[in-house]
């Protein structure tokens, strides 16, 4: 486990030309109420997995029937457009290697829009079938996610479609800002569900959307007390290395079995937020993530290496980060089994 303590914590210096994450939970709740499948997800106890007083797990596996927290993002963006009268008949295009594409497809179907999802050649056929069942037009293009995203961007320009990515980069922040705002819903729910203020919050990160949104809201409602730890694969420490460098950087590494977190470049909005709000950045290995899955399943928390990465870091972190028998820890179980 690599560990980096954040020297920017508590400052408001931007590391990228992008906004900080939204904390407008009321706006999110009001708009998500328009989604027929929207309902609060449970907070469960998994204290037996680690030597802490309490281990709360926000279980996102049933979110809107789509299997992950990603349901809150793209569907929320499209719900906002529907409120403005601009969603119906519109075509949203994205690239996806996982759950984001399902949220785009489901949101478009619910609100009378169309969706086109680009997937790489390596994406399993079963995922393509799930997207098609939600009404998406599925296009295979590119050897990897980066190539399929480039194809989606080109298609958006060529066809005057709306690019709906779950990451942000230079010149593209408005839509991902709203998408990350949707993720605030799970943080707001958790804040109401926990019995006491957490002492620690562990948040897994790919481009950083989940971690950035939850960390920003946690600081908004609880201030300084929770120690917030961001968890990345050791093959893709994009946020850790960007915070270390004081600017957004692209990392290199092998493919990780934490595929949803295997992102070599950070979202700029998330980078700004986590540089301000996170206390620590750590990495875990593929073997560590895989080895913990049976224990998670035995605890009723069956998930993927990506979905349980935050909990894995708690399990591995005995004696680190001030974790002890008095600690109250909050984690996000972000998806079901792969």
Protein backbone atom coordinates (compact mmCIF):
# COMPACT_ATOMS: atom_id res chain seq x y z
CA UNK A 1 0.00 0.00 0.00
CA UNK A 2 1.55 3.28 -1.14
CA UNK A 3 0.59 6.31 0.94
CA UNK A 4 0.82 10.03 0.21
CA UNK A 5 -0.30 12.71 2.66
CA UNK A 6 -1.93 15.64 0.87
CA UNK A 7 -0.03 18.93 1.39
CA UNK A 8 -2.85 20.97 -0.18
CA UNK A 9 -5.55 19.88 2.28
CA UNK A 10 -7.74 22.76 3.39
CA UNK A 11 -6.47 25.22 0.79
CA UNK A 12 -8.55 26.62 -2.06
CA UNK A 13 -5.77 26.73 -4.63
CA UNK A 14 -6.95 25.15 -7.88
CA UNK A 15 -4.66 22.53 -9.38
CA UNK A 16 -6.60 22.67 -12.66
CA UNK A 17 -8.65 25.18 -14.63
CA UNK A 18 -11.97 23.79 -13.48
CA UNK A 19 -14.60 24.45 -10.78
CA UNK A 20 -14.76 22.74 -7.41
CA UNK A 21 -17.48 20.08 -6.98
CA UNK A 22 -21.05 21.09 -6.19
CA UNK A 23 -22.62 20.41 -2.78
CA UNK A 24 -26.21 21.35 -3.76
CA UNK A 25 -27.98 18.28 -2.37
CA UNK A 26 -31.43 19.89 -2.41
CA UNK A 27 -31.32 20.51 -6.15
CA UNK A 28 -30.25 16.92 -6.74
CA UNK A 29 -32.98 15.41 -4.57
CA UNK A 30 -35.68 17.52 -6.22
CA UNK A 31 -34.72 16.49 -9.72
CA UNK A 32 -34.04 12.83 -8.98
CA UNK A 33 -37.57 12.65 -7.58
CA UNK A 34 -38.70 12.83 -11.23
CA UNK A 35 -36.95 9.52 -11.99
CA UNK A 36 -39.43 6.65 -11.53
CA UNK A 37 -36.76 4.25 -10.27
CA UNK A 38 -35.18 6.62 -7.75
CA UNK A 39 -35.09 5.48 -4.10
CA UNK A 40 -32.70 5.76 -1.18
CA UNK A 41 -30.06 3.04 -0.91
CA UNK A 42 -29.28 1.39 2.45
CA UNK A 43 -26.46 2.01 4.90
CA UNK A 44 -25.33 -1.31 6.36
CA UNK A 45 -22.90 -2.34 9.09
CA UNK A 46 -19.83 -4.41 8.24
CA UNK A 47 -17.89 -3.88 11.44
CA UNK A 48 -16.66 -7.48 11.53
CA UNK A 49 -14.42 -6.83 8.52
CA UNK A 50 -12.01 -4.53 10.37
CA UNK A 51 -10.84 -3.74 13.88
CA UNK A 52 -12.82 -0.52 14.23
CA UNK A 53 -15.78 0.54 16.36
CA UNK A 54 -18.09 0.94 13.36
CA UNK A 55 -17.75 0.28 9.64
CA UNK A 56 -20.68 1.79 7.76
CA UNK A 57 -21.09 0.81 4.12
CA UNK A 58 -23.32 2.81 1.79
CA UNK A 59 -24.59 0.07 -0.52
CA UNK A 60 -25.08 1.40 -4.05
CA UNK A 61 -25.61 -1.96 -5.74
CA UNK A 62 -29.37 -1.43 -6.06
CA UNK A 63 -29.32 2.22 -7.14
CA UNK A 64 -32.22 2.74 -9.58
CA UNK A 65 -32.05 -0.89 -10.62
CA UNK A 66 -28.84 -0.25 -12.56
CA UNK A 67 -26.36 -1.85 -10.19
CA UNK A 68 -24.13 1.07 -9.24
CA UNK A 69 -23.82 4.66 -8.06
CA UNK A 70 -23.31 5.73 -11.68
CA UNK A 71 -27.10 5.75 -12.05
CA UNK A 72 -27.06 9.08 -10.20
CA UNK A 73 -24.83 10.85 -12.69
CA UNK A 74 -25.92 10.80 -16.31
CA UNK A 75 -29.58 10.23 -15.41
CA UNK A 76 -29.44 13.38 -13.29
CA UNK A 77 -27.95 15.42 -16.15
CA UNK A 78 -30.68 14.24 -18.49
CA UNK A 79 -33.35 14.91 -15.84
CA UNK A 80 -32.11 18.52 -15.65
CA UNK A 81 -32.35 18.81 -19.43
CA UNK A 82 -35.87 17.36 -19.33
CA UNK A 83 -36.85 20.00 -16.80
CA UNK A 84 -35.61 22.65 -19.23
CA UNK A 85 -37.49 21.00 -22.09
CA UNK A 86 -34.31 20.14 -24.01
CA UNK A 87 -33.98 16.39 -23.49
CA UNK A 88 -36.75 14.95 -25.67
CA UNK A 89 -35.43 14.01 -29.09
CA UNK A 90 -31.85 14.85 -28.14
CA UNK A 91 -29.05 12.33 -28.69
CA UNK A 92 -26.54 11.79 -25.89
CA UNK A 93 -23.29 10.07 -26.80
CA UNK A 94 -20.61 8.67 -24.53
CA UNK A 95 -17.95 6.02 -24.18
CA UNK A 96 -18.17 3.47 -21.42
CA UNK A 97 -16.43 0.42 -20.07
CA UNK A 98 -19.03 -0.10 -17.39
CA UNK A 99 -21.88 1.45 -15.50
CA UNK A 100 -21.79 5.02 -16.83
CA UNK A 101 -23.15 3.88 -20.18
CA UNK A 102 -26.09 2.22 -18.47
CA UNK A 103 -26.98 5.50 -16.75
CA UNK A 104 -26.83 7.39 -20.04
CA UNK A 105 -29.00 4.79 -21.76
CA UNK A 106 -31.56 4.57 -18.96
CA UNK A 107 -31.79 8.34 -18.51
CA UNK A 108 -32.28 8.87 -22.22
CA UNK A 109 -34.99 6.21 -22.39
CA UNK A 110 -36.88 7.60 -19.38
CA UNK A 111 -36.90 11.18 -20.64
CA UNK A 112 -37.59 10.61 -24.34
CA UNK A 113 -34.05 11.10 -25.63
CA UNK A 114 -31.70 8.85 -27.61
CA UNK A 115 -28.36 7.40 -26.59
CA UNK A 116 -25.29 6.16 -28.42
CA UNK A 117 -22.63 4.36 -26.38
CA UNK A 118 -19.18 3.62 -27.78
CA UNK A 119 -17.45 0.60 -26.30
CA UNK A 120 -13.98 -0.80 -26.88
CA UNK A 121 -13.32 -4.10 -28.61
CA UNK A 122 -12.48 -5.70 -25.26
CA UNK A 123 -15.83 -4.95 -23.59
CA UNK A 124 -17.80 -8.19 -23.04
CA UNK A 125 -20.79 -8.88 -25.27
CA UNK A 126 -23.05 -9.21 -22.22
CA UNK A 127 -22.49 -5.55 -21.41
CA UNK A 128 -23.30 -4.53 -24.98
CA UNK A 129 -26.52 -6.53 -24.67
CA UNK A 130 -27.44 -4.76 -21.41
CA UNK A 131 -26.92 -1.37 -23.05
CA UNK A 132 -29.05 -2.35 -26.02
CA UNK A 133 -31.80 -3.56 -23.68
CA UNK A 134 -31.89 -0.05 -22.19
CA UNK A 135 -32.43 1.38 -25.66
CA UNK A 136 -28.89 2.48 -26.51
CA UNK A 137 -27.33 2.24 -29.92
CA UNK A 138 -24.05 0.44 -29.21
CA UNK A 139 -20.97 1.09 -31.35
CA UNK A 140 -17.77 -0.91 -30.96
CA UNK A 141 -14.72 1.15 -31.82
CA UNK A 142 -11.17 1.24 -30.54
CA UNK A 143 -8.83 -1.12 -28.74
CA UNK A 144 -9.37 0.51 -25.35
CA UNK A 145 -11.51 3.03 -23.47
CA UNK A 146 -9.41 6.01 -24.55
CA UNK A 147 -9.93 5.12 -28.20
CA UNK A 148 -13.67 4.63 -27.79
CA UNK A 149 -13.91 8.00 -26.01
CA UNK A 150 -12.08 9.68 -28.87
CA UNK A 151 -14.59 8.11 -31.25
CA UNK A 152 -17.50 9.35 -29.12
CA UNK A 153 -16.08 12.87 -29.12
CA UNK A 154 -15.68 12.82 -32.89
CA UNK A 155 -19.24 11.52 -33.33
CA UNK A 156 -20.61 14.27 -31.08
CA UNK A 157 -19.00 16.94 -33.26
CA UNK A 158 -19.93 15.29 -36.56
CA UNK A 159 -23.58 14.66 -35.68
CA UNK A 160 -24.27 17.57 -33.32
CA UNK A 161 -24.89 15.16 -30.47
CA UNK A 162 -24.40 15.96 -26.77
CA UNK A 163 -21.25 14.41 -25.32
CA UNK A 164 -22.06 13.14 -21.82
CA UNK A 165 -18.83 12.02 -20.18
CA UNK A 166 -18.29 11.23 -16.51
CA UNK A 167 -14.87 12.88 -16.60
CA UNK A 168 -13.83 16.50 -17.16
CA UNK A 169 -10.91 17.96 -19.04
CA UNK A 170 -9.69 21.30 -20.32
CA UNK A 171 -12.63 22.97 -22.08
CA UNK A 172 -15.16 20.33 -20.99
CA UNK A 173 -16.45 20.92 -17.46
CA UNK A 174 -20.09 22.12 -17.55
CA UNK A 175 -21.76 18.74 -18.10
CA UNK A 176 -19.42 16.73 -15.84
CA UNK A 177 -19.94 19.33 -13.10
CA UNK A 178 -23.67 18.54 -13.16
CA UNK A 179 -23.01 14.82 -13.44
CA UNK A 180 -20.84 14.90 -10.31
CA UNK A 181 -23.54 16.95 -8.61
CA UNK A 182 -25.82 13.95 -9.02
CA UNK A 183 -23.41 11.85 -6.97
CA UNK A 184 -23.98 14.19 -4.02
CA UNK A 185 -27.26 12.32 -3.45
CA UNK A 186 -25.53 9.27 -1.97
CA UNK A 187 -23.42 11.46 0.32
CA UNK A 188 -26.49 13.37 1.52
CA UNK A 189 -28.31 10.11 2.21
CA UNK A 190 -25.34 8.73 4.12
CA UNK A 191 -25.08 11.90 6.21
CA UNK A 192 -28.67 11.36 7.36
CA UNK A 193 -28.23 7.63 7.91
CA UNK A 194 -25.09 7.52 10.07
CA UNK A 195 -25.63 7.65 13.82
CA UNK A 196 -22.53 9.75 14.49
CA UNK A 197 -20.03 11.80 12.52
CA UNK A 198 -17.49 9.45 10.92
CA UNK A 199 -13.89 9.71 12.03
CA UNK A 200 -12.71 8.32 8.67
CA UNK A 201 -14.12 8.12 5.13
CA UNK A 202 -12.50 5.83 2.53
CA UNK A 203 -13.40 6.58 -1.10
CA UNK A 204 -12.27 4.61 -4.14
CA UNK A 205 -11.41 6.65 -7.22
CA UNK A 206 -10.96 6.25 -10.95
CA UNK A 207 -11.21 9.67 -12.58
CA UNK A 208 -12.43 10.80 -9.16
CA UNK A 209 -16.09 11.69 -9.64
CA UNK A 210 -17.45 9.64 -6.74
CA UNK A 211 -14.62 10.55 -4.38
CA UNK A 212 -14.68 14.24 -5.28
CA UNK A 213 -18.44 14.60 -4.84
CA UNK A 214 -18.65 12.68 -1.55
CA UNK A 215 -15.58 14.37 -0.06
CA UNK A 216 -16.89 17.84 -0.91
CA UNK A 217 -20.26 17.14 0.70
CA UNK A 218 -18.64 15.55 3.74
CA UNK A 219 -16.62 18.72 4.34
CA UNK A 220 -19.77 20.77 3.76
CA UNK A 221 -21.76 18.99 6.48
CA UNK A 222 -19.06 17.80 8.89
CA UNK A 223 -16.13 20.17 8.40
CA UNK A 224 -12.65 19.02 9.39
CA UNK A 225 -13.20 16.00 11.68
CA UNK A 226 -13.45 13.12 9.19
CA UNK A 227 -10.12 11.97 7.83
CA UNK A 228 -10.78 11.37 4.13
CA UNK A 229 -8.65 8.77 2.34
CA UNK A 230 -8.77 8.32 -1.45
CA UNK A 231 -8.04 4.78 -2.71
CA UNK A 232 -6.70 4.04 -6.22
CA UNK A 233 -5.23 1.00 -8.01
CA UNK A 234 -1.44 0.99 -7.95
CA UNK A 235 -1.63 0.66 -11.74
CA UNK A 236 -3.51 3.97 -12.06
CA UNK A 237 -2.63 6.47 -9.29
CA UNK A 238 -3.69 9.47 -11.38
CA UNK A 239 -5.10 11.53 -8.52
CA UNK A 240 -2.27 10.76 -6.11
CA UNK A 241 0.40 11.68 -8.64
CA UNK A 242 -1.48 14.79 -9.78
CA UNK A 243 -1.79 16.05 -6.21
CA UNK A 244 1.87 15.22 -5.63
CA UNK A 245 2.83 17.18 -8.76
CA UNK A 246 0.48 20.08 -8.05
CA UNK A 247 -1.10 19.76 -11.51
CA UNK A 248 -3.01 17.22 -13.58
CA UNK A 249 -0.74 14.48 -14.89
CA UNK A 250 -1.28 11.36 -16.99
CA UNK A 251 0.04 8.17 -15.41
CA UNK A 252 1.11 4.94 -17.04
CA UNK A 253 0.73 1.36 -15.92
CA UNK A 254 -0.60 -2.08 -16.79
CA UNK A 255 -4.28 -2.89 -16.97
CA UNK A 256 -5.84 -3.36 -13.53
CA UNK A 257 -8.50 -5.84 -12.44
CA UNK A 258 -10.13 -2.80 -10.84
CA UNK A 259 -11.36 -1.87 -14.30
CA UNK A 260 -13.81 0.85 -13.25
CA UNK A 261 -10.95 2.55 -11.36
CA UNK A 262 -8.28 1.93 -13.99
CA UNK A 263 -8.10 5.55 -15.13
CA UNK A 264 -4.73 7.02 -16.01
CA UNK A 265 -5.90 10.66 -16.12
CA UNK A 266 -7.97 12.49 -13.47
CA UNK A 267 -11.15 14.49 -13.89
CA UNK A 268 -10.12 18.12 -13.40
CA UNK A 269 -13.16 18.95 -11.24
CA UNK A 270 -12.46 15.98 -8.98
CA UNK A 271 -8.77 16.87 -8.80
CA UNK A 272 -9.56 20.37 -7.55
CA UNK A 273 -12.00 19.07 -4.98
CA UNK A 274 -9.84 16.26 -3.65
CA UNK A 275 -6.73 18.43 -3.44
CA UNK A 276 -8.76 20.64 -1.11
CA UNK A 277 -10.77 17.99 0.77
CA UNK A 278 -8.80 14.71 0.98
CA UNK A 279 -6.25 14.07 3.71
CA UNK A 280 -4.53 11.06 2.20
CA UNK A 281 -4.13 9.13 -1.04
CA UNK A 282 -3.31 5.41 -1.03
CA UNK A 283 -3.01 2.65 -3.60
CA UNK A 284 -3.87 -1.03 -3.41
CA UNK A 285 -2.76 -3.86 -5.66
CA UNK A 286 -4.88 -6.07 -7.87
CA UNK A 287 -4.00 -9.04 -5.67
CA UNK A 288 -5.11 -7.23 -2.51
CA UNK A 289 -8.42 -6.22 -4.08
CA UNK A 290 -9.08 -9.74 -5.40
CA UNK A 291 -8.12 -11.47 -2.15
CA UNK A 292 -10.71 -9.50 -0.15
CA UNK A 293 -13.70 -10.45 -2.32
CA UNK A 294 -14.62 -13.69 -0.50
CA UNK A 295 -14.71 -11.91 2.87
CA UNK A 296 -16.87 -9.17 1.40
CA UNK A 297 -19.23 -11.73 -0.10
CA UNK A 298 -19.44 -13.61 3.22
CA UNK A 299 -20.45 -10.30 4.85
CA UNK A 300 -23.30 -9.89 2.35
CA UNK A 301 -21.35 -7.33 0.30
CA UNK A 302 -20.62 -9.23 -2.91
CA UNK A 303 -18.94 -6.84 -5.31
CA UNK A 304 -16.15 -6.37 -7.84
CA UNK A 305 -12.53 -5.40 -7.11
CA UNK A 306 -13.50 -1.84 -8.05
CA UNK A 307 -16.67 -1.71 -5.98
CA UNK A 308 -15.02 -2.82 -2.76
CA UNK A 309 -11.69 -1.00 -3.05
CA UNK A 310 -12.45 1.50 -0.30
CA UNK A 311 -13.43 -1.25 2.13
CA UNK A 312 -10.30 -3.23 1.18
CA UNK A 313 -8.14 -0.27 2.17
CA UNK A 314 -9.83 -0.22 5.59
CA UNK A 315 -9.18 -3.95 5.98
CA UNK A 316 -5.51 -3.46 5.08
CA UNK A 317 -5.05 -0.24 7.01
CA UNK A 318 -4.90 -1.47 10.60
CA UNK A 319 -2.63 0.90 12.48
CA UNK A 320 -2.58 3.41 9.61
CA UNK A 321 -4.51 6.68 9.26
CA UNK A 322 -5.25 6.69 12.98
CA UNK A 323 -7.57 3.70 12.64
CA UNK A 324 -8.23 1.99 15.97
CA UNK A 325 -10.98 0.35 18.01
CA UNK A 326 -12.69 3.72 18.49
CA UNK A 327 -12.84 4.63 14.79
CA UNK A 328 -16.14 5.16 12.98
CA UNK A 329 -15.57 4.52 9.28
CA UNK A 330 -17.76 5.25 6.26
CA UNK A 331 -17.22 3.53 2.89
CA UNK A 332 -19.10 3.29 -0.40
CA UNK A 333 -19.87 -0.09 -1.98
CA UNK A 334 -20.09 1.34 -5.45
CA UNK A 335 -21.27 -1.62 -7.57
CA UNK A 336 -22.28 -5.24 -7.59
CA UNK A 337 -20.17 -8.19 -8.77
CA UNK A 338 -18.66 -7.88 -12.25
